[in-house]
């Protein structure tokens, strides 16, 4: 973990491209301030998803859960086809993204490359049940080339419309979940990454799941997590020596 973060520090020091601007005070490089990223804590995410599934009875619950538990982009989720979900291996292939400018059209991912990520068992089970439900509407909606989160006509949902639906649901949830902050759908992706890093996951794994082109991008965006990681590292080191 430390080596990965050090590599990014060296990259930033040698090129000054990590931050939009940098300053040097007393010989130390200071990162430019980035806009604060709004995310949920683990309990807040759990509370929202539980409310959304059990109280709101949301038909889009599988979509929110998939984004929350994988960190994939909104457009990538909306462009998924059932053939991208390997129920045997529990892996998800990210090959395309929904086009914001053209209705019912997919394009390449933001980085132009595909990736494969692992799914947890519960998310995989959720998708399996959802496929059965889609198939009960029409067998065509459950075929390998069908859109996972498409509308009842089988078309790719509009990313902007889905974003508006997300905002509405968060506002509804705030009325019943105490202290739930408002976050965007992109904030759900940020939440996935932030929680993984706080749990001590290696940044390289987070980069691969998010689909960033470089690990530097990941660590630049989520630099707000480093204080938590530093504290955890200090506590682990002390505990190791105290137990020696």
Protein backbone atom coordinates (compact mmCIF):
# COMPACT_ATOMS: atom_id res chain seq x y z
CA UNK A 1 0.00 0.00 0.00
CA UNK A 2 2.73 2.47 1.01
CA UNK A 3 4.70 1.82 -2.18
CA UNK A 4 1.65 2.58 -4.32
CA UNK A 5 1.04 5.91 -2.64
CA UNK A 6 4.76 6.80 -2.77
CA UNK A 7 4.81 6.16 -6.50
CA UNK A 8 2.05 8.68 -7.00
CA UNK A 9 3.86 11.20 -4.82
CA UNK A 10 6.99 10.87 -6.96
CA UNK A 11 4.93 11.26 -10.12
CA UNK A 12 3.35 14.41 -8.79
CA UNK A 13 6.68 15.83 -7.65
CA UNK A 14 8.41 15.24 -10.94
CA UNK A 15 5.65 16.50 -13.24
CA UNK A 16 3.40 18.74 -11.18
CA UNK A 17 0.48 17.31 -13.15
CA UNK A 18 -1.23 15.47 -10.32
CA UNK A 19 -2.77 18.71 -9.04
CA UNK A 20 -4.09 21.58 -11.11
CA UNK A 21 -1.67 23.80 -9.21
CA UNK A 22 0.95 23.24 -6.53
CA UNK A 23 2.77 25.37 -4.05
CA UNK A 24 5.94 24.88 -2.06
CA UNK A 25 6.13 25.97 1.53
CA UNK A 26 9.23 25.38 3.62
CA UNK A 27 10.47 22.99 0.96
CA UNK A 28 7.36 20.78 1.13
CA UNK A 29 4.93 20.36 -1.75
CA UNK A 30 1.31 21.23 -0.92
CA UNK A 31 -1.48 19.72 -3.00
CA UNK A 32 -4.08 22.04 -4.41
CA UNK A 33 -7.45 21.81 -2.73
CA UNK A 34 -9.95 19.61 -4.57
CA UNK A 35 -13.72 19.98 -4.35
CA UNK A 36 -15.04 17.92 -1.48
CA UNK A 37 -16.47 14.55 -2.50
CA UNK A 38 -19.82 13.71 -0.92
CA UNK A 39 -20.13 10.06 0.07
CA UNK A 40 -22.07 7.87 2.47
CA UNK A 41 -20.71 5.85 5.34
CA UNK A 42 -21.21 2.09 5.33
CA UNK A 43 -24.24 2.28 7.69
CA UNK A 44 -25.79 5.07 5.61
CA UNK A 45 -25.42 3.08 2.40
CA UNK A 46 -26.90 0.02 4.07
CA UNK A 47 -29.81 2.04 5.45
CA UNK A 48 -30.61 3.56 2.07
CA UNK A 49 -30.48 0.28 0.16
CA UNK A 50 -32.59 -1.48 2.78
CA UNK A 51 -35.21 1.29 2.66
CA UNK A 52 -35.12 1.37 -1.14
CA UNK A 53 -35.68 -2.38 -1.42
CA UNK A 54 -38.07 -3.08 1.46
CA UNK A 55 -40.03 0.15 1.94
CA UNK A 56 -39.89 1.98 -1.39
CA UNK A 57 -40.08 -1.34 -3.31
CA UNK A 58 -37.98 0.16 -6.06
CA UNK A 59 -37.85 -1.58 -9.42
CA UNK A 60 -34.42 0.02 -9.87
CA UNK A 61 -32.99 -1.38 -6.65
CA UNK A 62 -30.79 -3.88 -8.56
CA UNK A 63 -29.26 -0.95 -10.47
CA UNK A 64 -28.44 1.05 -7.33
CA UNK A 65 -27.04 -2.04 -5.62
CA UNK A 66 -24.88 -2.94 -8.60
CA UNK A 67 -23.33 0.53 -8.77
CA UNK A 68 -22.85 0.67 -4.99
CA UNK A 69 -21.19 -2.74 -4.81
CA UNK A 70 -19.01 -2.43 -7.93
CA UNK A 71 -18.21 1.27 -8.30
CA UNK A 72 -18.92 1.20 -12.04
CA UNK A 73 -20.00 4.38 -13.79
CA UNK A 74 -23.67 5.21 -14.35
CA UNK A 75 -23.33 4.87 -18.12
CA UNK A 76 -21.46 1.57 -17.80
CA UNK A 77 -24.21 0.12 -15.63
CA UNK A 78 -26.96 1.22 -18.02
CA UNK A 79 -25.17 -0.33 -21.01
CA UNK A 80 -24.75 -3.75 -19.39
CA UNK A 81 -26.17 -6.75 -21.19
CA UNK A 82 -27.02 -10.07 -19.59
CA UNK A 83 -24.21 -11.65 -21.53
CA UNK A 84 -21.82 -9.45 -19.53
CA UNK A 85 -22.86 -11.13 -16.28
CA UNK A 86 -21.17 -14.49 -15.72
CA UNK A 87 -23.32 -16.19 -13.12
CA UNK A 88 -20.95 -19.16 -13.06
CA UNK A 89 -17.77 -17.28 -12.15
CA UNK A 90 -19.43 -14.31 -10.45
CA UNK A 91 -17.70 -11.82 -12.71
CA UNK A 92 -18.96 -8.77 -14.59
CA UNK A 93 -17.56 -7.56 -17.92
CA UNK A 94 -17.62 -3.81 -18.51
CA UNK A 95 -17.43 -3.30 -22.27
CA UNK A 96 -19.47 -0.19 -23.12
CA UNK A 97 -21.33 2.82 -21.72
CA UNK A 98 -24.67 4.48 -22.46
CA UNK A 99 -24.39 7.52 -24.68
CA UNK A 100 -25.77 10.62 -22.97
CA UNK A 101 -26.27 12.49 -26.25
CA UNK A 102 -28.00 9.79 -28.31
CA UNK A 103 -31.05 7.85 -27.18
CA UNK A 104 -30.71 4.06 -26.83
CA UNK A 105 -27.11 4.03 -28.02
CA UNK A 106 -23.97 2.61 -26.41
CA UNK A 107 -20.42 3.80 -26.85
CA UNK A 108 -17.01 2.76 -25.59
CA UNK A 109 -16.10 3.20 -21.93
CA UNK A 110 -14.55 6.45 -20.73
CA UNK A 111 -11.03 5.04 -21.04
CA UNK A 112 -11.81 3.18 -24.27
CA UNK A 113 -10.97 -0.19 -22.75
CA UNK A 114 -12.94 -3.08 -21.27
CA UNK A 115 -12.43 -4.61 -17.84
CA UNK A 116 -13.71 -7.51 -15.77
CA UNK A 117 -14.55 -7.19 -12.08
CA UNK A 118 -15.80 -9.56 -9.40
CA UNK A 119 -19.29 -9.47 -7.91
CA UNK A 120 -20.20 -10.37 -4.35
CA UNK A 121 -22.62 -13.24 -3.86
CA UNK A 122 -25.60 -11.16 -2.75
CA UNK A 123 -25.34 -8.77 -5.71
CA UNK A 124 -25.07 -11.74 -8.06
CA UNK A 125 -28.18 -13.29 -6.46
CA UNK A 126 -30.01 -9.97 -6.80
CA UNK A 127 -29.21 -9.85 -10.51
CA UNK A 128 -30.29 -13.46 -10.98
CA UNK A 129 -33.70 -12.76 -9.44
CA UNK A 130 -33.97 -9.57 -11.47
CA UNK A 131 -33.28 -11.45 -14.71
CA UNK A 132 -36.07 -13.88 -13.89
CA UNK A 133 -38.41 -10.95 -13.26
CA UNK A 134 -37.44 -9.34 -16.57
CA UNK A 135 -38.01 -12.63 -18.33
CA UNK A 136 -41.52 -12.83 -16.90
CA UNK A 137 -42.32 -9.56 -18.73
CA UNK A 138 -40.84 -10.81 -21.98
CA UNK A 139 -38.33 -13.54 -22.76
CA UNK A 140 -36.56 -11.06 -25.02
CA UNK A 141 -35.68 -8.95 -21.95
CA UNK A 142 -33.71 -11.84 -20.44
CA UNK A 143 -31.71 -12.87 -23.49
CA UNK A 144 -27.92 -12.55 -23.47
CA UNK A 145 -27.96 -9.49 -25.72
CA UNK A 146 -30.74 -7.73 -23.78
CA UNK A 147 -30.04 -4.65 -21.66
CA UNK A 148 -29.85 -5.59 -17.96
CA UNK A 149 -31.33 -2.32 -16.73
CA UNK A 150 -33.27 -1.36 -19.85
CA UNK A 151 -36.87 -0.18 -19.86
CA UNK A 152 -39.79 -2.52 -20.53
CA UNK A 153 -39.31 -2.01 -24.26
CA UNK A 154 -35.73 -3.23 -23.95
CA UNK A 155 -34.12 0.13 -24.70
CA UNK A 156 -31.20 1.59 -22.78
CA UNK A 157 -32.48 4.00 -20.16
CA UNK A 158 -31.50 7.65 -20.43
CA UNK A 159 -28.56 8.37 -18.08
CA UNK A 160 -29.95 11.80 -17.25
CA UNK A 161 -33.39 10.42 -16.47
CA UNK A 162 -31.87 7.76 -14.23
CA UNK A 163 -29.92 10.49 -12.48
CA UNK A 164 -33.15 12.37 -11.80
CA UNK A 165 -34.79 9.22 -10.47
CA UNK A 166 -31.86 8.70 -8.13
CA UNK A 167 -32.16 12.24 -6.78
CA UNK A 168 -35.87 11.75 -6.11
CA UNK A 169 -35.23 8.55 -4.19
CA UNK A 170 -32.50 10.11 -2.06
CA UNK A 171 -34.85 12.97 -1.17
CA UNK A 172 -37.54 10.48 -0.17
CA UNK A 173 -35.06 8.48 1.88
CA UNK A 174 -33.84 11.57 3.72
CA UNK A 175 -37.30 11.90 5.23
CA UNK A 176 -37.00 8.53 6.98
CA UNK A 177 -33.27 7.86 7.37
CA UNK A 178 -31.81 10.13 10.04
CA UNK A 179 -28.81 12.20 8.97
CA UNK A 180 -28.65 10.85 5.44
CA UNK A 181 -26.66 13.34 3.30
CA UNK A 182 -27.66 14.09 -0.24
CA UNK A 183 -25.29 12.52 -2.76
CA UNK A 184 -25.40 12.23 -6.52
CA UNK A 185 -25.42 8.93 -8.37
CA UNK A 186 -21.72 9.51 -9.02
CA UNK A 187 -21.41 9.85 -5.25
CA UNK A 188 -22.51 6.21 -5.01
CA UNK A 189 -19.46 5.29 -7.09
CA UNK A 190 -17.32 7.50 -4.85
CA UNK A 191 -18.78 5.77 -1.81
CA UNK A 192 -17.69 2.36 -3.12
CA UNK A 193 -14.12 3.54 -3.63
CA UNK A 194 -13.90 5.46 -0.36
CA UNK A 195 -15.16 2.55 1.73
CA UNK A 196 -12.75 0.13 0.08
CA UNK A 197 -9.79 2.41 0.77
CA UNK A 198 -10.90 3.00 4.35
CA UNK A 199 -11.06 -0.77 4.80
CA UNK A 200 -7.42 -0.98 3.72
CA UNK A 201 -7.90 -2.32 0.20
CA UNK A 202 -4.94 -1.74 -2.09
CA UNK A 203 -5.44 1.29 -4.37
CA UNK A 204 -4.55 -0.86 -7.40
CA UNK A 205 -7.60 -3.03 -6.77
CA UNK A 206 -9.79 0.07 -6.41
CA UNK A 207 -8.37 1.47 -9.65
CA UNK A 208 -9.20 -1.74 -11.50
CA UNK A 209 -12.75 -1.83 -10.20
CA UNK A 210 -13.40 1.82 -11.04
CA UNK A 211 -11.77 1.60 -14.47
CA UNK A 212 -9.33 4.47 -14.02
CA UNK A 213 -6.57 4.57 -16.61
CA UNK A 214 -3.85 4.98 -13.97
CA UNK A 215 -3.52 4.42 -10.25
CA UNK A 216 -2.49 8.07 -9.93
CA UNK A 217 -5.99 9.11 -10.99
CA UNK A 218 -7.49 6.98 -8.24
CA UNK A 219 -5.23 8.35 -5.53
CA UNK A 220 -5.63 11.90 -6.71
CA UNK A 221 -9.43 11.73 -6.51
CA UNK A 222 -9.49 9.90 -3.19
CA UNK A 223 -6.67 11.69 -1.41
CA UNK A 224 -9.21 12.64 1.29
CA UNK A 225 -9.04 9.04 2.50
CA UNK A 226 -5.32 9.16 3.34
CA UNK A 227 -5.73 10.53 6.91
CA UNK A 228 -7.88 7.51 7.80
CA UNK A 229 -5.37 5.16 6.18
CA UNK A 230 -2.48 6.83 7.99
CA UNK A 231 -4.19 6.38 11.37
CA UNK A 232 -5.00 2.75 10.63
CA UNK A 233 -1.41 2.11 9.53
CA UNK A 234 -0.03 3.69 12.71
CA UNK A 235 -2.35 1.60 14.89
CA UNK A 236 -1.48 -1.63 13.05
CA UNK A 237 2.25 -0.93 13.34
CA UNK A 238 1.99 -0.21 17.07
CA UNK A 239 -0.14 -3.29 17.68
CA UNK A 240 2.37 -5.44 15.79
CA UNK A 241 5.29 -4.25 17.89
CA UNK A 242 3.37 -4.35 21.17
CA UNK A 243 2.53 -7.96 20.48
CA UNK A 244 6.08 -8.95 19.54
